[in-house]
Amino acid sequence: MPKKSIRDTMLGRRKQLSAEICLNRSLKAQQRLLELPQFSAASTVGLYSPVWNEVFTEEIFRAARAQGKRVAYPRIDGHGLEFIEVADPQELCPGGFGILEPCGSQCVSLPALDLVVVPGVAFDLAGFRLGYGKGFYDRVMSCGERCGVLIGLCYELQMLDSLPSESHDVRMDLVATEERTLRFQA
């Protein structure tokens, strides 16, 4: 099935989720991620601002800050992303595509990110993800500089057996849903 068809189907599934279901499943998925040794070991965490019924990330932000971790959010920079340190959610403001982005200027280099929580429209059992089609995450994650652990965060309904993948697609190291955590070999 072509990526556009998969994307439309998966976004339709997510759109049908009620606010209560999103909150409940998001809390469970975030809790799974917070229990990972990779999260405990990370000093600097990259998060995303959720849109369109994506899994929320607020609990991860709170836990990271409570543990003294640095947190950075992506901001669109031309055709790519740059990660900016955020100490408080008030430092996020509407940016491209209506997504909250950091307003600050404290850039965090990719190699300084020990763990990056990556959004997606769908993920598969090999660790590949399908994004929104603009390629921002794939471009930044395949630019040659490698960050730490990549963790896809999604609802179980976003998991597929396999996705079409191309040479530039970046594989996740782990995927966490409200029901399970999947680990992938490098």
C-alpha atoms as a PDB file:
ATOM      1  CA  MET A   1       0.000   0.000   0.000  1.00  0.00           C
ATOM      2  CA  PRO A   2       1.404   3.452  -0.876  1.00  0.00           C
ATOM      3  CA  LYS A   3       2.535   5.745   1.953  1.00  0.00           C
ATOM      4  CA  LYS A   4      -0.226   8.286   1.272  1.00  0.00           C
ATOM      5  CA  SER A   5      -2.960   5.645   1.674  1.00  0.00           C
ATOM      6  CA  ILE A   6      -1.413   4.350   4.890  1.00  0.00           C
ATOM      7  CA  ARG A   7      -1.015   7.892   6.186  1.00  0.00           C
ATOM      8  CA  ASP A   8      -4.674   8.752   5.441  1.00  0.00           C
ATOM      9  CA  THR A   9      -5.935   5.544   7.082  1.00  0.00           C
ATOM     10  CA  MET A  10      -3.799   5.935  10.186  1.00  0.00           C
ATOM     11  CA  LEU A  11      -4.594   9.623  10.659  1.00  0.00           C
ATOM     12  CA  GLY A  12      -8.281   8.742  10.318  1.00  0.00           C
ATOM     13  CA  ARG A  13      -7.948   6.137  13.086  1.00  0.00           C
ATOM     14  CA  ARG A  14      -6.237   8.595  15.381  1.00  0.00           C
ATOM     15  CA  LYS A  15      -8.747  11.344  14.625  1.00  0.00           C
ATOM     16  CA  GLN A  16     -11.568   9.097  15.858  1.00  0.00           C
ATOM     17  CA  LEU A  17     -10.061   8.797  19.346  1.00  0.00           C
ATOM     18  CA  SER A  18     -11.919  10.709  22.031  1.00  0.00           C
ATOM     19  CA  ALA A  19     -10.040  13.115  24.312  1.00  0.00           C
ATOM     20  CA  GLU A  20     -10.527  10.686  27.214  1.00  0.00           C
ATOM     21  CA  ILE A  21      -9.061   7.755  25.275  1.00  0.00           C
ATOM     22  CA  CYS A  22      -6.118   9.880  24.090  1.00  0.00           C
ATOM     23  CA  LEU A  23      -5.357  10.941  27.652  1.00  0.00           C
ATOM     24  CA  ASN A  24      -5.678   7.424  29.088  1.00  0.00           C
ATOM     25  CA  ARG A  25      -3.577   5.740  26.408  1.00  0.00           C
ATOM     26  CA  SER A  26      -1.052   8.589  26.395  1.00  0.00           C
ATOM     27  CA  LEU A  27      -0.476   8.230  30.124  1.00  0.00           C
ATOM     28  CA  LYS A  28       0.140   4.485  29.737  1.00  0.00           C
ATOM     29  CA  ALA A  29       2.512   4.925  26.780  1.00  0.00           C
ATOM     30  CA  GLN A  30       4.442   7.664  28.573  1.00  0.00           C
ATOM     31  CA  GLN A  31       4.713   5.502  31.689  1.00  0.00           C
ATOM     32  CA  ARG A  32       6.203   2.671  29.616  1.00  0.00           C
ATOM     33  CA  LEU A  33       8.792   5.067  28.215  1.00  0.00           C
ATOM     34  CA  LEU A  34       9.604   6.467  31.665  1.00  0.00           C
ATOM     35  CA  GLU A  35      10.327   2.932  32.930  1.00  0.00           C
ATOM     36  CA  LEU A  36      12.994   2.309  30.283  1.00  0.00           C
ATOM     37  CA  PRO A  37      16.622   2.191  31.423  1.00  0.00           C
ATOM     38  CA  GLN A  38      17.451   4.339  28.387  1.00  0.00           C
ATOM     39  CA  PHE A  39      15.320   7.131  29.841  1.00  0.00           C
ATOM     40  CA  SER A  40      16.935   6.811  33.267  1.00  0.00           C
ATOM     41  CA  ALA A  41      20.409   6.964  31.705  1.00  0.00           C
ATOM     42  CA  ALA A  42      19.687  10.003  29.516  1.00  0.00           C
ATOM     43  CA  SER A  43      20.927  13.433  30.579  1.00  0.00           C
ATOM     44  CA  THR A  44      19.367  15.278  27.644  1.00  0.00           C
ATOM     45  CA  VAL A  45      16.007  14.310  26.135  1.00  0.00           C
ATOM     46  CA  GLY A  46      14.449  15.454  22.855  1.00  0.00           C
ATOM     47  CA  LEU A  47      10.640  15.629  22.940  1.00  0.00           C
ATOM     48  CA  TYR A  48       7.931  16.630  20.482  1.00  0.00           C
ATOM     49  CA  SER A  49       4.859  18.828  20.912  1.00  0.00           C
ATOM     50  CA  PRO A  50       1.818  16.631  20.191  1.00  0.00           C
ATOM     51  CA  VAL A  51      -0.759  17.581  17.559  1.00  0.00           C
ATOM     52  CA  TRP A  52      -3.800  15.903  16.024  1.00  0.00           C
ATOM     53  CA  ASN A  53      -4.326  13.314  18.793  1.00  0.00           C
ATOM     54  CA  GLU A  54      -0.673  12.259  18.999  1.00  0.00           C
ATOM     55  CA  VAL A  55       0.489  10.659  22.224  1.00  0.00           C
ATOM     56  CA  PHE A  56       1.002  13.424  24.774  1.00  0.00           C
ATOM     57  CA  THR A  57       4.496  14.062  26.153  1.00  0.00           C
ATOM     58  CA  GLU A  58       3.808  16.246  29.214  1.00  0.00           C
ATOM     59  CA  GLU A  59       4.510  13.484  31.756  1.00  0.00           C
ATOM     60  CA  ILE A  60       7.848  12.746  30.116  1.00  0.00           C
ATOM     61  CA  PHE A  61       8.714  16.452  30.260  1.00  0.00           C
ATOM     62  CA  ARG A  62       7.763  16.675  33.956  1.00  0.00           C
ATOM     63  CA  ALA A  63       9.692  13.534  34.882  1.00  0.00           C
ATOM     64  CA  ALA A  64      12.769  14.612  32.923  1.00  0.00           C
ATOM     65  CA  ARG A  65      12.852  18.045  34.543  1.00  0.00           C
ATOM     66  CA  ALA A  66      12.190  16.570  38.026  1.00  0.00           C
ATOM     67  CA  GLN A  67      15.234  14.315  37.483  1.00  0.00           C
ATOM     68  CA  GLY A  68      17.408  17.252  36.424  1.00  0.00           C
ATOM     69  CA  LYS A  69      17.545  16.306  32.751  1.00  0.00           C
ATOM     70  CA  ARG A  70      17.822  18.867  29.973  1.00  0.00           C
ATOM     71  CA  VAL A  71      14.862  18.811  27.576  1.00  0.00           C
ATOM     72  CA  ALA A  72      14.879  20.068  23.992  1.00  0.00           C
ATOM     73  CA  TYR A  73      12.062  20.424  21.475  1.00  0.00           C
ATOM     74  CA  PRO A  74      12.394  20.617  17.687  1.00  0.00           C
ATOM     75  CA  ARG A  75      11.831  23.781  15.707  1.00  0.00           C
ATOM     76  CA  ILE A  76      11.584  23.937  11.935  1.00  0.00           C
ATOM     77  CA  ASP A  77      14.721  25.465  10.484  1.00  0.00           C
ATOM     78  CA  GLY A  78      14.391  25.716   6.700  1.00  0.00           C
ATOM     79  CA  HIS A  79      13.924  22.133   5.516  1.00  0.00           C
ATOM     80  CA  GLY A  80      15.218  20.582   8.728  1.00  0.00           C
ATOM     81  CA  LEU A  81      14.816  20.669  12.477  1.00  0.00           C
ATOM     82  CA  GLU A  82      16.927  22.203  15.188  1.00  0.00           C
ATOM     83  CA  PHE A  83      16.522  21.245  18.838  1.00  0.00           C
ATOM     84  CA  ILE A  84      16.187  24.055  21.376  1.00  0.00           C
ATOM     85  CA  GLU A  85      16.426  23.629  25.140  1.00  0.00           C
ATOM     86  CA  VAL A  86      13.171  24.250  27.024  1.00  0.00           C
ATOM     87  CA  ALA A  87      12.997  24.568  30.815  1.00  0.00           C
ATOM     88  CA  ASP A  88       9.290  25.391  31.047  1.00  0.00           C
ATOM     89  CA  PRO A  89       6.292  24.624  28.779  1.00  0.00           C
ATOM     90  CA  GLN A  90       5.627  28.390  28.634  1.00  0.00           C
ATOM     91  CA  GLU A  91       8.710  28.589  26.385  1.00  0.00           C
ATOM     92  CA  LEU A  92       6.734  26.939  23.558  1.00  0.00           C
ATOM     93  CA  CYS A  93       4.818  29.046  21.038  1.00  0.00           C
ATOM     94  CA  PRO A  94       2.877  28.277  17.831  1.00  0.00           C
ATOM     95  CA  GLY A  95       5.178  27.542  14.914  1.00  0.00           C
ATOM     96  CA  GLY A  96       5.007  25.851  11.535  1.00  0.00           C
ATOM     97  CA  PHE A  97       1.961  23.700  10.817  1.00  0.00           C
ATOM     98  CA  GLY A  98       0.353  24.890  14.084  1.00  0.00           C
ATOM     99  CA  ILE A  99       2.799  22.864  16.192  1.00  0.00           C
ATOM    100  CA  LEU A 100       4.175  24.355  19.399  1.00  0.00           C
ATOM    101  CA  GLU A 101       7.883  25.093  19.004  1.00  0.00           C
ATOM    102  CA  PRO A 102      10.498  26.489  21.371  1.00  0.00           C
ATOM    103  CA  CYS A 103      10.812  30.275  21.405  1.00  0.00           C
ATOM    104  CA  GLY A 104      14.308  30.263  22.915  1.00  0.00           C
ATOM    105  CA  SER A 105      17.717  30.254  21.306  1.00  0.00           C
ATOM    106  CA  GLN A 106      19.696  27.644  23.299  1.00  0.00           C
ATOM    107  CA  CYS A 107      20.450  25.080  20.560  1.00  0.00           C
ATOM    108  CA  VAL A 108      21.235  21.510  21.538  1.00  0.00           C
ATOM    109  CA  SER A 109      23.356  19.582  19.046  1.00  0.00           C
ATOM    110  CA  LEU A 110      22.166  16.182  17.856  1.00  0.00           C
ATOM    111  CA  PRO A 111      25.075  14.314  19.468  1.00  0.00           C
ATOM    112  CA  ALA A 112      24.151  15.954  22.811  1.00  0.00           C
ATOM    113  CA  LEU A 113      20.674  14.343  22.721  1.00  0.00           C
ATOM    114  CA  ASP A 114      20.924  11.077  24.634  1.00  0.00           C
ATOM    115  CA  LEU A 115      17.353  10.098  23.815  1.00  0.00           C
ATOM    116  CA  VAL A 116      14.895  11.475  21.254  1.00  0.00           C
ATOM    117  CA  VAL A 117      11.181  10.744  21.466  1.00  0.00           C
ATOM    118  CA  VAL A 118       9.934  10.672  17.883  1.00  0.00           C
ATOM    119  CA  PRO A 119       6.332  11.153  16.736  1.00  0.00           C
ATOM    120  CA  GLY A 120       4.861   9.334  13.784  1.00  0.00           C
ATOM    121  CA  VAL A 121       1.697   8.487  11.910  1.00  0.00           C
ATOM    122  CA  ALA A 122       2.552   4.775  11.977  1.00  0.00           C
ATOM    123  CA  PHE A 123       5.363   2.463  13.093  1.00  0.00           C
ATOM    124  CA  ASP A 124       6.139  -1.113  12.111  1.00  0.00           C
ATOM    125  CA  LEU A 125       7.549  -4.236  13.728  1.00  0.00           C
ATOM    126  CA  ALA A 126      11.001  -3.582  12.211  1.00  0.00           C
ATOM    127  CA  GLY A 127      11.278  -0.126  13.822  1.00  0.00           C
ATOM    128  CA  PHE A 128      10.468   1.980  10.781  1.00  0.00           C
ATOM    129  CA  ARG A 129       8.115   4.957  11.020  1.00  0.00           C
ATOM    130  CA  LEU A 130       5.840   6.806   8.688  1.00  0.00           C
ATOM    131  CA  GLY A 131       5.738  10.533   9.338  1.00  0.00           C
ATOM    132  CA  TYR A 132       3.547  13.249   7.909  1.00  0.00           C
ATOM    133  CA  GLY A 133       5.383  13.272   4.590  1.00  0.00           C
ATOM    134  CA  LYS A 134       7.574  16.354   4.962  1.00  0.00           C
ATOM    135  CA  GLY A 135      10.690  14.372   5.958  1.00  0.00           C
ATOM    136  CA  PHE A 136      11.839  16.688   8.760  1.00  0.00           C
ATOM    137  CA  TYR A 137      12.782  13.947  11.228  1.00  0.00           C
ATOM    138  CA  ASP A 138      14.334  11.666   8.603  1.00  0.00           C
ATOM    139  CA  ARG A 139      16.495  14.517   7.267  1.00  0.00           C
ATOM    140  CA  VAL A 140      17.784  15.576  10.663  1.00  0.00           C
ATOM    141  CA  MET A 141      18.340  12.006  11.907  1.00  0.00           C
ATOM    142  CA  SER A 142      20.190  10.919   8.767  1.00  0.00           C
ATOM    143  CA  CYS A 143      22.405  14.009   8.387  1.00  0.00           C
ATOM    144  CA  GLY A 144      25.515  12.187   9.602  1.00  0.00           C
ATOM    145  CA  GLU A 145      25.424  13.385  13.199  1.00  0.00           C
ATOM    146  CA  ARG A 146      23.948  10.645  15.331  1.00  0.00           C
ATOM    147  CA  CYS A 147      21.992  11.361  18.474  1.00  0.00           C
ATOM    148  CA  GLY A 148      21.408   8.777  21.159  1.00  0.00           C
ATOM    149  CA  VAL A 149      18.476   6.402  21.406  1.00  0.00           C
ATOM    150  CA  LEU A 150      15.481   6.985  19.094  1.00  0.00           C
ATOM    151  CA  ILE A 151      12.162   6.031  20.656  1.00  0.00           C
ATOM    152  CA  GLY A 152       8.938   6.070  18.674  1.00  0.00           C
ATOM    153  CA  LEU A 153       5.938   6.922  20.861  1.00  0.00           C
ATOM    154  CA  CYS A 154       2.510   5.944  19.574  1.00  0.00           C
ATOM    155  CA  TYR A 155      -0.782   4.211  20.272  1.00  0.00           C
ATOM    156  CA  GLU A 156      -1.040   0.494  19.630  1.00  0.00           C
ATOM    157  CA  LEU A 157      -3.518   1.240  16.818  1.00  0.00           C
ATOM    158  CA  GLN A 158      -0.652   2.951  14.955  1.00  0.00           C
ATOM    159  CA  MET A 159       1.423  -0.249  14.803  1.00  0.00           C
ATOM    160  CA  LEU A 160       1.550  -2.159  11.522  1.00  0.00           C
ATOM    161  CA  ASP A 161       3.352  -5.362  10.579  1.00  0.00           C
ATOM    162  CA  SER A 162       5.413  -3.530   7.968  1.00  0.00           C
ATOM    163  CA  LEU A 163       5.698  -0.163   6.258  1.00  0.00           C
ATOM    164  CA  PRO A 164       7.214   0.730   2.911  1.00  0.00           C
ATOM    165  CA  SER A 165      10.717   2.010   3.649  1.00  0.00           C
ATOM    166  CA  GLU A 166      13.335   3.822   1.630  1.00  0.00           C
ATOM    167  CA  SER A 167      17.095   4.193   2.082  1.00  0.00           C
ATOM    168  CA  HIS A 168      16.727   7.568   3.842  1.00  0.00           C
ATOM    169  CA  ASP A 169      14.186   6.269   6.394  1.00  0.00           C
ATOM    170  CA  VAL A 170      15.612   6.095   9.903  1.00  0.00           C
ATOM    171  CA  ARG A 171      14.828   3.119  12.127  1.00  0.00           C
ATOM    172  CA  MET A 172      13.820   3.557  15.733  1.00  0.00           C
ATOM    173  CA  ASP A 173      15.758   1.797  18.474  1.00  0.00           C
ATOM    174  CA  LEU A 174      12.551   1.277  20.440  1.00  0.00           C
ATOM    175  CA  VAL A 175       8.830   1.922  20.092  1.00  0.00           C
ATOM    176  CA  ALA A 176       6.603   2.402  23.140  1.00  0.00           C
ATOM    177  CA  THR A 177       2.810   2.108  23.044  1.00  0.00           C
ATOM    178  CA  GLU A 178       0.231   1.876  25.807  1.00  0.00           C
ATOM    179  CA  GLU A 179       0.450  -1.929  25.559  1.00  0.00           C
ATOM    180  CA  ARG A 180       4.071  -2.825  24.857  1.00  0.00           C
ATOM    181  CA  THR A 181       7.644  -1.768  24.243  1.00  0.00           C
ATOM    182  CA  LEU A 182       9.415  -3.072  21.174  1.00  0.00           C
ATOM    183  CA  ARG A 183      13.214  -3.177  20.887  1.00  0.00           C
ATOM    184  CA  PHE A 184      15.040  -3.374  17.574  1.00  0.00           C
ATOM    185  CA  GLN A 185      18.557  -4.544  16.741  1.00  0.00           C
ATOM    186  CA  ALA A 186      20.865  -1.999  15.187  1.00  0.00           C
END
